[in-house]
Amino acid sequence: MSTGVIIALIVIVAAVVVVAAALMLLRARRPHAGGNLKRRFGPEYDRTVARHDGDVKAAERELTDRVQRHGGLRERPLEPAERERYEARWAAAQERFVDAPREAVAEADRLLAEVAGARGFPDGGQYEEQLAALSVHHAGHVDGYRRVHRVARLGAGADGGAPGTEEMREAMLEARALFDDLVKSAPQDTGRHRARRDEAEPAEDREAVSGRRGHAPWGLTHRHAKGS
């Protein structure tokens, strides 16, 4: 056997080995990538798969695209005064729910869009893009925004079929988790801001503010809203 033939055989064998190794590497990466997406998105991963009728590959392509578009987004921390205003508006919307649940839900929807925009996410006028970005950074609570937005649109007659009071109440409660996530202080700011506020406010005022910041007023937990 000539030297040229031997060299050719060696090259062919080496090429086969390289291709086989590459295929094995791809197979090893695919489930790993899917596992990373599932850990990152949690329930949002399952919702996306369901929306694609169980097509896992299509769902993972969508989620990967979201990460590529929005994974590098840096959230801007809110100024203390901004945070106070948003918290006061949310508390007012919760209290309003008792007498005007539809208006309260619409305000919650607007408020989430505004807070997200203030934190550096896409503008609320681009709802789908804002939702996608939020799902990358707040995957555990983003469905609350999706739900309250849908209920607000139903209440406005956009898609037909007005929601009932219980559906609106549940949407508000679920959306509150994302709101809390968005307005919470940056870790380095929390202690300084609380210390300054405690020094400036009388004890009874601090207790009142603390009460307003509780998760849900009686109107959303134990009392029925008027009308549906």
C-alpha atoms as a PDB file:
ATOM      1  CA  MET A   1       0.000   0.000   0.000  1.00  0.00           C
ATOM      2  CA  SER A   2       1.479   3.331  -1.036  1.00  0.00           C
ATOM      3  CA  THR A   3       2.201   6.154   1.341  1.00  0.00           C
ATOM      4  CA  GLY A   4      -0.421   8.338  -0.386  1.00  0.00           C
ATOM      5  CA  VAL A   5      -3.177   5.781   0.198  1.00  0.00           C
ATOM      6  CA  ILE A   6      -2.215   5.406   3.860  1.00  0.00           C
ATOM      7  CA  ILE A   7      -2.313   9.176   4.349  1.00  0.00           C
ATOM      8  CA  ALA A   8      -5.692   9.354   2.633  1.00  0.00           C
ATOM      9  CA  LEU A   9      -7.088   6.628   4.911  1.00  0.00           C
ATOM     10  CA  ILE A  10      -5.767   8.416   7.986  1.00  0.00           C
ATOM     11  CA  VAL A  11      -7.415  11.675   6.851  1.00  0.00           C
ATOM     12  CA  ILE A  12     -10.748   9.909   6.228  1.00  0.00           C
ATOM     13  CA  VAL A  13     -10.693   8.190   9.630  1.00  0.00           C
ATOM     14  CA  ALA A  14      -9.796  11.457  11.335  1.00  0.00           C
ATOM     15  CA  ALA A  15     -12.673  13.221   9.561  1.00  0.00           C
ATOM     16  CA  VAL A  16     -15.132  10.521  10.631  1.00  0.00           C
ATOM     17  CA  VAL A  17     -13.950  10.825  14.237  1.00  0.00           C
ATOM     18  CA  VAL A  18     -14.337  14.626  14.172  1.00  0.00           C
ATOM     19  CA  VAL A  19     -17.856  14.418  12.721  1.00  0.00           C
ATOM     20  CA  ALA A  20     -18.893  11.771  15.271  1.00  0.00           C
ATOM     21  CA  ALA A  21     -17.521  13.897  18.127  1.00  0.00           C
ATOM     22  CA  ALA A  22     -19.353  16.960  16.830  1.00  0.00           C
ATOM     23  CA  LEU A  23     -22.648  15.053  16.663  1.00  0.00           C
ATOM     24  CA  MET A  24     -22.181  13.742  20.177  1.00  0.00           C
ATOM     25  CA  LEU A  25     -21.448  17.255  21.411  1.00  0.00           C
ATOM     26  CA  LEU A  26     -24.594  18.621  19.771  1.00  0.00           C
ATOM     27  CA  ARG A  27     -26.702  15.894  21.310  1.00  0.00           C
ATOM     28  CA  ALA A  28     -25.195  16.576  24.724  1.00  0.00           C
ATOM     29  CA  ARG A  29     -25.875  20.296  24.439  1.00  0.00           C
ATOM     30  CA  ARG A  30     -29.480  20.144  23.335  1.00  0.00           C
ATOM     31  CA  PRO A  31     -31.005  18.758  26.541  1.00  0.00           C
ATOM     32  CA  HIS A  32     -28.617  20.849  28.590  1.00  0.00           C
ATOM     33  CA  ALA A  33     -29.771  24.031  26.842  1.00  0.00           C
ATOM     34  CA  GLY A  34     -33.378  23.005  27.341  1.00  0.00           C
ATOM     35  CA  GLY A  35     -32.684  22.342  31.007  1.00  0.00           C
ATOM     36  CA  ASN A  36     -31.154  25.782  31.407  1.00  0.00           C
ATOM     37  CA  LEU A  37     -34.188  27.398  29.798  1.00  0.00           C
ATOM     38  CA  LYS A  38     -36.541  25.447  32.013  1.00  0.00           C
ATOM     39  CA  ARG A  39     -34.636  26.489  35.141  1.00  0.00           C
ATOM     40  CA  ARG A  40     -34.472  30.105  34.008  1.00  0.00           C
ATOM     41  CA  PHE A  41     -38.120  30.503  32.980  1.00  0.00           C
ATOM     42  CA  GLY A  42     -39.838  28.095  35.369  1.00  0.00           C
ATOM     43  CA  PRO A  43     -43.633  28.124  34.827  1.00  0.00           C
ATOM     44  CA  GLU A  44     -43.161  30.439  31.834  1.00  0.00           C
ATOM     45  CA  TYR A  45     -41.329  27.577  30.081  1.00  0.00           C
ATOM     46  CA  ASP A  46     -44.335  25.276  30.498  1.00  0.00           C
ATOM     47  CA  ARG A  47     -46.754  28.007  29.371  1.00  0.00           C
ATOM     48  CA  THR A  48     -44.684  28.605  26.232  1.00  0.00           C
ATOM     49  CA  VAL A  49     -44.576  24.890  25.413  1.00  0.00           C
ATOM     50  CA  ALA A  50     -48.367  24.701  25.877  1.00  0.00           C
ATOM     51  CA  ARG A  51     -48.859  27.717  23.610  1.00  0.00           C
ATOM     52  CA  HIS A  52     -46.856  25.891  20.937  1.00  0.00           C
ATOM     53  CA  ASP A  53     -49.142  22.846  21.355  1.00  0.00           C
ATOM     54  CA  GLY A  54     -46.426  20.800  23.038  1.00  0.00           C
ATOM     55  CA  ASP A  55     -43.732  21.553  20.449  1.00  0.00           C
ATOM     56  CA  VAL A  56     -40.728  21.800  22.800  1.00  0.00           C
ATOM     57  CA  LYS A  57     -38.265  22.808  20.077  1.00  0.00           C
ATOM     58  CA  ALA A  58     -40.456  25.683  18.893  1.00  0.00           C
ATOM     59  CA  ALA A  59     -40.970  26.852  22.485  1.00  0.00           C
ATOM     60  CA  GLU A  60     -37.239  26.732  23.224  1.00  0.00           C
ATOM     61  CA  ARG A  61     -36.475  28.673  20.050  1.00  0.00           C
ATOM     62  CA  GLU A  62     -38.857  31.391  21.219  1.00  0.00           C
ATOM     63  CA  LEU A  63     -37.403  31.499  24.728  1.00  0.00           C
ATOM     64  CA  THR A  64     -33.839  31.511  23.402  1.00  0.00           C
ATOM     65  CA  ASP A  65     -34.764  34.433  21.156  1.00  0.00           C
ATOM     66  CA  ARG A  66     -36.141  36.319  24.163  1.00  0.00           C
ATOM     67  CA  VAL A  67     -32.893  35.800  26.063  1.00  0.00           C
ATOM     68  CA  GLN A  68     -30.830  36.941  23.087  1.00  0.00           C
ATOM     69  CA  ARG A  69     -32.924  40.112  22.678  1.00  0.00           C
ATOM     70  CA  HIS A  70     -33.346  41.069  26.319  1.00  0.00           C
ATOM     71  CA  GLY A  71     -30.834  39.118  28.403  1.00  0.00           C
ATOM     72  CA  GLY A  72     -28.379  42.021  28.438  1.00  0.00           C
ATOM     73  CA  LEU A  73     -30.952  44.534  29.708  1.00  0.00           C
ATOM     74  CA  ARG A  74     -29.842  46.312  32.878  1.00  0.00           C
ATOM     75  CA  GLU A  75     -32.691  47.361  35.138  1.00  0.00           C
ATOM     76  CA  ARG A  76     -32.574  50.945  36.336  1.00  0.00           C
ATOM     77  CA  PRO A  77     -33.269  51.209  40.087  1.00  0.00           C
ATOM     78  CA  LEU A  78     -36.128  53.499  41.048  1.00  0.00           C
ATOM     79  CA  GLU A  79     -35.515  56.650  43.021  1.00  0.00           C
ATOM     80  CA  PRO A  80     -37.110  56.561  46.498  1.00  0.00           C
ATOM     81  CA  ALA A  81     -39.649  59.220  45.512  1.00  0.00           C
ATOM     82  CA  GLU A  82     -40.628  57.261  42.388  1.00  0.00           C
ATOM     83  CA  ARG A  83     -41.093  54.125  44.431  1.00  0.00           C
ATOM     84  CA  GLU A  84     -43.295  55.932  46.948  1.00  0.00           C
ATOM     85  CA  ARG A  85     -45.515  57.332  44.175  1.00  0.00           C
ATOM     86  CA  TYR A  86     -45.960  53.966  42.506  1.00  0.00           C
ATOM     87  CA  GLU A  87     -46.733  52.249  45.805  1.00  0.00           C
ATOM     88  CA  ALA A  88     -49.321  54.922  46.666  1.00  0.00           C
ATOM     89  CA  ARG A  89     -50.991  54.518  43.269  1.00  0.00           C
ATOM     90  CA  TRP A  90     -51.154  50.738  43.630  1.00  0.00           C
ATOM     91  CA  ALA A  91     -52.623  51.021  47.120  1.00  0.00           C
ATOM     92  CA  ALA A  92     -55.252  53.448  45.775  1.00  0.00           C
ATOM     93  CA  ALA A  93     -56.128  51.043  42.946  1.00  0.00           C
ATOM     94  CA  GLN A  94     -56.571  48.199  45.445  1.00  0.00           C
ATOM     95  CA  GLU A  95     -58.862  50.297  47.611  1.00  0.00           C
ATOM     96  CA  ARG A  96     -60.825  51.372  44.534  1.00  0.00           C
ATOM     97  CA  PHE A  97     -61.461  47.741  43.621  1.00  0.00           C
ATOM     98  CA  VAL A  98     -64.314  47.492  46.151  1.00  0.00           C
ATOM     99  CA  ASP A  99     -66.478  50.045  44.336  1.00  0.00           C
ATOM    100  CA  ALA A 100     -65.017  49.999  40.808  1.00  0.00           C
ATOM    101  CA  PRO A 101     -63.212  46.715  40.058  1.00  0.00           C
ATOM    102  CA  ARG A 102     -62.889  47.280  36.309  1.00  0.00           C
ATOM    103  CA  GLU A 103     -61.309  50.697  36.734  1.00  0.00           C
ATOM    104  CA  ALA A 104     -58.973  49.292  39.391  1.00  0.00           C
ATOM    105  CA  VAL A 105     -57.800  46.488  37.108  1.00  0.00           C
ATOM    106  CA  ALA A 106     -57.252  48.940  34.245  1.00  0.00           C
ATOM    107  CA  GLU A 107     -55.153  51.122  36.546  1.00  0.00           C
ATOM    108  CA  ALA A 108     -53.107  48.107  37.671  1.00  0.00           C
ATOM    109  CA  ASP A 109     -52.423  47.254  34.025  1.00  0.00           C
ATOM    110  CA  ARG A 110     -51.317  50.835  33.257  1.00  0.00           C
ATOM    111  CA  LEU A 111     -49.229  51.000  36.400  1.00  0.00           C
ATOM    112  CA  LEU A 112     -47.309  47.813  35.628  1.00  0.00           C
ATOM    113  CA  ALA A 113     -46.530  49.121  32.147  1.00  0.00           C
ATOM    114  CA  GLU A 114     -45.297  52.429  33.588  1.00  0.00           C
ATOM    115  CA  VAL A 115     -43.152  50.873  36.308  1.00  0.00           C
ATOM    116  CA  ALA A 116     -41.591  48.433  33.846  1.00  0.00           C
ATOM    117  CA  GLY A 117     -40.790  51.315  31.502  1.00  0.00           C
ATOM    118  CA  ALA A 118     -39.261  53.284  34.359  1.00  0.00           C
ATOM    119  CA  ARG A 119     -37.057  50.290  35.232  1.00  0.00           C
ATOM    120  CA  GLY A 120     -35.654  50.257  31.686  1.00  0.00           C
ATOM    121  CA  PHE A 121     -37.851  47.693  29.961  1.00  0.00           C
ATOM    122  CA  PRO A 122     -39.385  48.444  26.541  1.00  0.00           C
ATOM    123  CA  ASP A 123     -42.119  51.065  26.589  1.00  0.00           C
ATOM    124  CA  GLY A 124     -45.582  49.959  27.641  1.00  0.00           C
ATOM    125  CA  GLY A 125     -46.896  50.875  24.196  1.00  0.00           C
ATOM    126  CA  GLN A 126     -44.996  47.819  22.954  1.00  0.00           C
ATOM    127  CA  TYR A 127     -46.847  45.404  25.215  1.00  0.00           C
ATOM    128  CA  GLU A 128     -45.664  42.151  23.640  1.00  0.00           C
ATOM    129  CA  GLU A 129     -42.025  43.248  23.609  1.00  0.00           C
ATOM    130  CA  GLN A 130     -42.256  44.553  27.165  1.00  0.00           C
ATOM    131  CA  LEU A 131     -43.813  41.278  28.290  1.00  0.00           C
ATOM    132  CA  ALA A 132     -41.072  39.271  26.561  1.00  0.00           C
ATOM    133  CA  ALA A 133     -38.359  41.319  28.274  1.00  0.00           C
ATOM    134  CA  LEU A 134     -40.050  40.984  31.661  1.00  0.00           C
ATOM    135  CA  SER A 135     -40.273  37.220  31.191  1.00  0.00           C
ATOM    136  CA  VAL A 136     -36.481  37.044  30.900  1.00  0.00           C
ATOM    137  CA  HIS A 137     -35.837  38.948  34.141  1.00  0.00           C
ATOM    138  CA  HIS A 138     -39.001  38.297  36.193  1.00  0.00           C
ATOM    139  CA  ALA A 139     -40.129  34.938  34.829  1.00  0.00           C
ATOM    140  CA  GLY A 140     -41.726  33.813  38.078  1.00  0.00           C
ATOM    141  CA  HIS A 141     -44.263  36.647  38.149  1.00  0.00           C
ATOM    142  CA  VAL A 142     -44.666  37.827  34.563  1.00  0.00           C
ATOM    143  CA  ASP A 143     -47.891  35.872  34.039  1.00  0.00           C
ATOM    144  CA  GLY A 144     -49.575  38.195  36.524  1.00  0.00           C
ATOM    145  CA  TYR A 145     -49.028  41.070  34.084  1.00  0.00           C
ATOM    146  CA  ARG A 146     -50.294  38.955  31.168  1.00  0.00           C
ATOM    147  CA  ARG A 147     -53.405  38.062  33.127  1.00  0.00           C
ATOM    148  CA  VAL A 148     -54.267  41.541  34.368  1.00  0.00           C
ATOM    149  CA  HIS A 149     -53.681  42.980  30.879  1.00  0.00           C
ATOM    150  CA  ARG A 150     -56.060  40.440  29.353  1.00  0.00           C
ATOM    151  CA  VAL A 151     -58.719  41.097  31.988  1.00  0.00           C
ATOM    152  CA  ALA A 152     -58.332  44.874  31.561  1.00  0.00           C
ATOM    153  CA  ARG A 153     -58.883  44.519  27.812  1.00  0.00           C
ATOM    154  CA  LEU A 154     -61.936  42.347  28.376  1.00  0.00           C
ATOM    155  CA  GLY A 155     -63.302  44.916  30.794  1.00  0.00           C
ATOM    156  CA  ALA A 156     -62.804  47.615  28.155  1.00  0.00           C
ATOM    157  CA  GLY A 157     -64.724  45.551  25.607  1.00  0.00           C
ATOM    158  CA  ALA A 158     -61.662  44.969  23.414  1.00  0.00           C
ATOM    159  CA  ASP A 159     -62.131  41.238  23.004  1.00  0.00           C
ATOM    160  CA  GLY A 160     -65.704  40.696  24.142  1.00  0.00           C
ATOM    161  CA  GLY A 161     -66.920  38.821  27.200  1.00  0.00           C
ATOM    162  CA  ALA A 162     -66.697  41.015  30.295  1.00  0.00           C
ATOM    163  CA  PRO A 163     -64.782  39.342  33.167  1.00  0.00           C
ATOM    164  CA  GLY A 164     -66.452  38.572  36.470  1.00  0.00           C
ATOM    165  CA  THR A 165     -65.501  40.114  39.785  1.00  0.00           C
ATOM    166  CA  GLU A 166     -63.671  37.009  41.002  1.00  0.00           C
ATOM    167  CA  GLU A 167     -61.579  36.830  37.813  1.00  0.00           C
ATOM    168  CA  MET A 168     -60.626  40.496  38.197  1.00  0.00           C
ATOM    169  CA  ARG A 169     -59.785  40.018  41.877  1.00  0.00           C
ATOM    170  CA  GLU A 170     -57.493  37.064  41.127  1.00  0.00           C
ATOM    171  CA  ALA A 171     -55.801  39.001  38.319  1.00  0.00           C
ATOM    172  CA  MET A 172     -55.091  41.919  40.659  1.00  0.00           C
ATOM    173  CA  LEU A 173     -53.669  39.631  43.328  1.00  0.00           C
ATOM    174  CA  GLU A 174     -51.424  37.813  40.868  1.00  0.00           C
ATOM    175  CA  ALA A 175     -50.232  41.049  39.268  1.00  0.00           C
ATOM    176  CA  ARG A 176     -49.233  42.397  42.685  1.00  0.00           C
ATOM    177  CA  ALA A 177     -46.329  39.936  42.848  1.00  0.00           C
ATOM    178  CA  LEU A 178     -44.744  41.420  39.713  1.00  0.00           C
ATOM    179  CA  PHE A 179     -45.411  44.948  40.956  1.00  0.00           C
ATOM    180  CA  ASP A 180     -43.593  44.178  44.215  1.00  0.00           C
ATOM    181  CA  ASP A 181     -40.719  42.691  42.230  1.00  0.00           C
ATOM    182  CA  LEU A 182     -40.404  45.831  40.095  1.00  0.00           C
ATOM    183  CA  VAL A 183     -40.632  48.457  42.836  1.00  0.00           C
ATOM    184  CA  LYS A 184     -38.397  46.787  45.408  1.00  0.00           C
ATOM    185  CA  SER A 185     -35.261  48.703  46.321  1.00  0.00           C
ATOM    186  CA  ALA A 186     -31.849  47.941  44.934  1.00  0.00           C
ATOM    187  CA  PRO A 187     -29.952  45.914  47.596  1.00  0.00           C
ATOM    188  CA  GLN A 188     -27.448  48.689  48.260  1.00  0.00           C
ATOM    189  CA  ASP A 189     -30.183  51.304  48.564  1.00  0.00           C
ATOM    190  CA  THR A 190     -32.666  49.561  50.847  1.00  0.00           C
ATOM    191  CA  GLY A 191     -30.977  50.159  54.185  1.00  0.00           C
ATOM    192  CA  ARG A 192     -30.075  53.793  53.530  1.00  0.00           C
ATOM    193  CA  HIS A 193     -33.537  54.693  52.260  1.00  0.00           C
ATOM    194  CA  ARG A 194     -35.330  53.008  55.153  1.00  0.00           C
ATOM    195  CA  ALA A 195     -33.043  54.664  57.695  1.00  0.00           C
ATOM    196  CA  ARG A 196     -33.662  58.124  56.206  1.00  0.00           C
ATOM    197  CA  ARG A 197     -37.430  57.544  56.108  1.00  0.00           C
ATOM    198  CA  ASP A 198     -37.538  56.261  59.680  1.00  0.00           C
ATOM    199  CA  GLU A 199     -35.659  59.308  60.926  1.00  0.00           C
ATOM    200  CA  ALA A 200     -37.992  61.695  59.078  1.00  0.00           C
ATOM    201  CA  GLU A 201     -41.377  60.100  59.917  1.00  0.00           C
ATOM    202  CA  PRO A 202     -43.161  59.828  63.257  1.00  0.00           C
ATOM    203  CA  ALA A 203     -43.776  56.269  64.417  1.00  0.00           C
ATOM    204  CA  GLU A 204     -47.536  56.436  63.764  1.00  0.00           C
ATOM    205  CA  ASP A 205     -46.911  57.612  60.169  1.00  0.00           C
ATOM    206  CA  ARG A 206     -44.498  54.750  59.570  1.00  0.00           C
ATOM    207  CA  GLU A 207     -47.125  52.282  60.747  1.00  0.00           C
ATOM    208  CA  ALA A 208     -49.706  53.770  58.366  1.00  0.00           C
ATOM    209  CA  VAL A 209     -47.335  53.562  55.414  1.00  0.00           C
ATOM    210  CA  SER A 210     -46.416  49.996  56.346  1.00  0.00           C
ATOM    211  CA  GLY A 211     -50.082  49.090  56.383  1.00  0.00           C
ATOM    212  CA  ARG A 212     -50.588  50.551  52.898  1.00  0.00           C
ATOM    213  CA  ARG A 213     -47.758  48.415  51.605  1.00  0.00           C
ATOM    214  CA  GLY A 214     -49.368  45.162  52.728  1.00  0.00           C
ATOM    215  CA  HIS A 215     -50.181  42.781  49.892  1.00  0.00           C
ATOM    216  CA  ALA A 216     -53.907  43.218  49.583  1.00  0.00           C
ATOM    217  CA  PRO A 217     -56.599  45.252  51.352  1.00  0.00           C
ATOM    218  CA  TRP A 218     -59.769  43.688  52.691  1.00  0.00           C
ATOM    219  CA  GLY A 219     -61.448  44.565  49.408  1.00  0.00           C
ATOM    220  CA  LEU A 220     -59.305  42.055  47.548  1.00  0.00           C
ATOM    221  CA  THR A 221     -59.295  39.308  50.118  1.00  0.00           C
ATOM    222  CA  HIS A 222     -62.431  39.080  52.215  1.00  0.00           C
ATOM    223  CA  ARG A 223     -64.999  41.557  50.866  1.00  0.00           C
ATOM    224  CA  HIS A 224     -66.876  41.361  47.599  1.00  0.00           C
ATOM    225  CA  ALA A 225     -66.494  44.153  45.085  1.00  0.00           C
ATOM    226  CA  LYS A 226     -69.659  45.915  43.988  1.00  0.00           C
ATOM    227  CA  GLY A 227     -70.782  44.783  40.566  1.00  0.00           C
ATOM    228  CA  SER A 228     -69.123  42.456  38.084  1.00  0.00           C
END
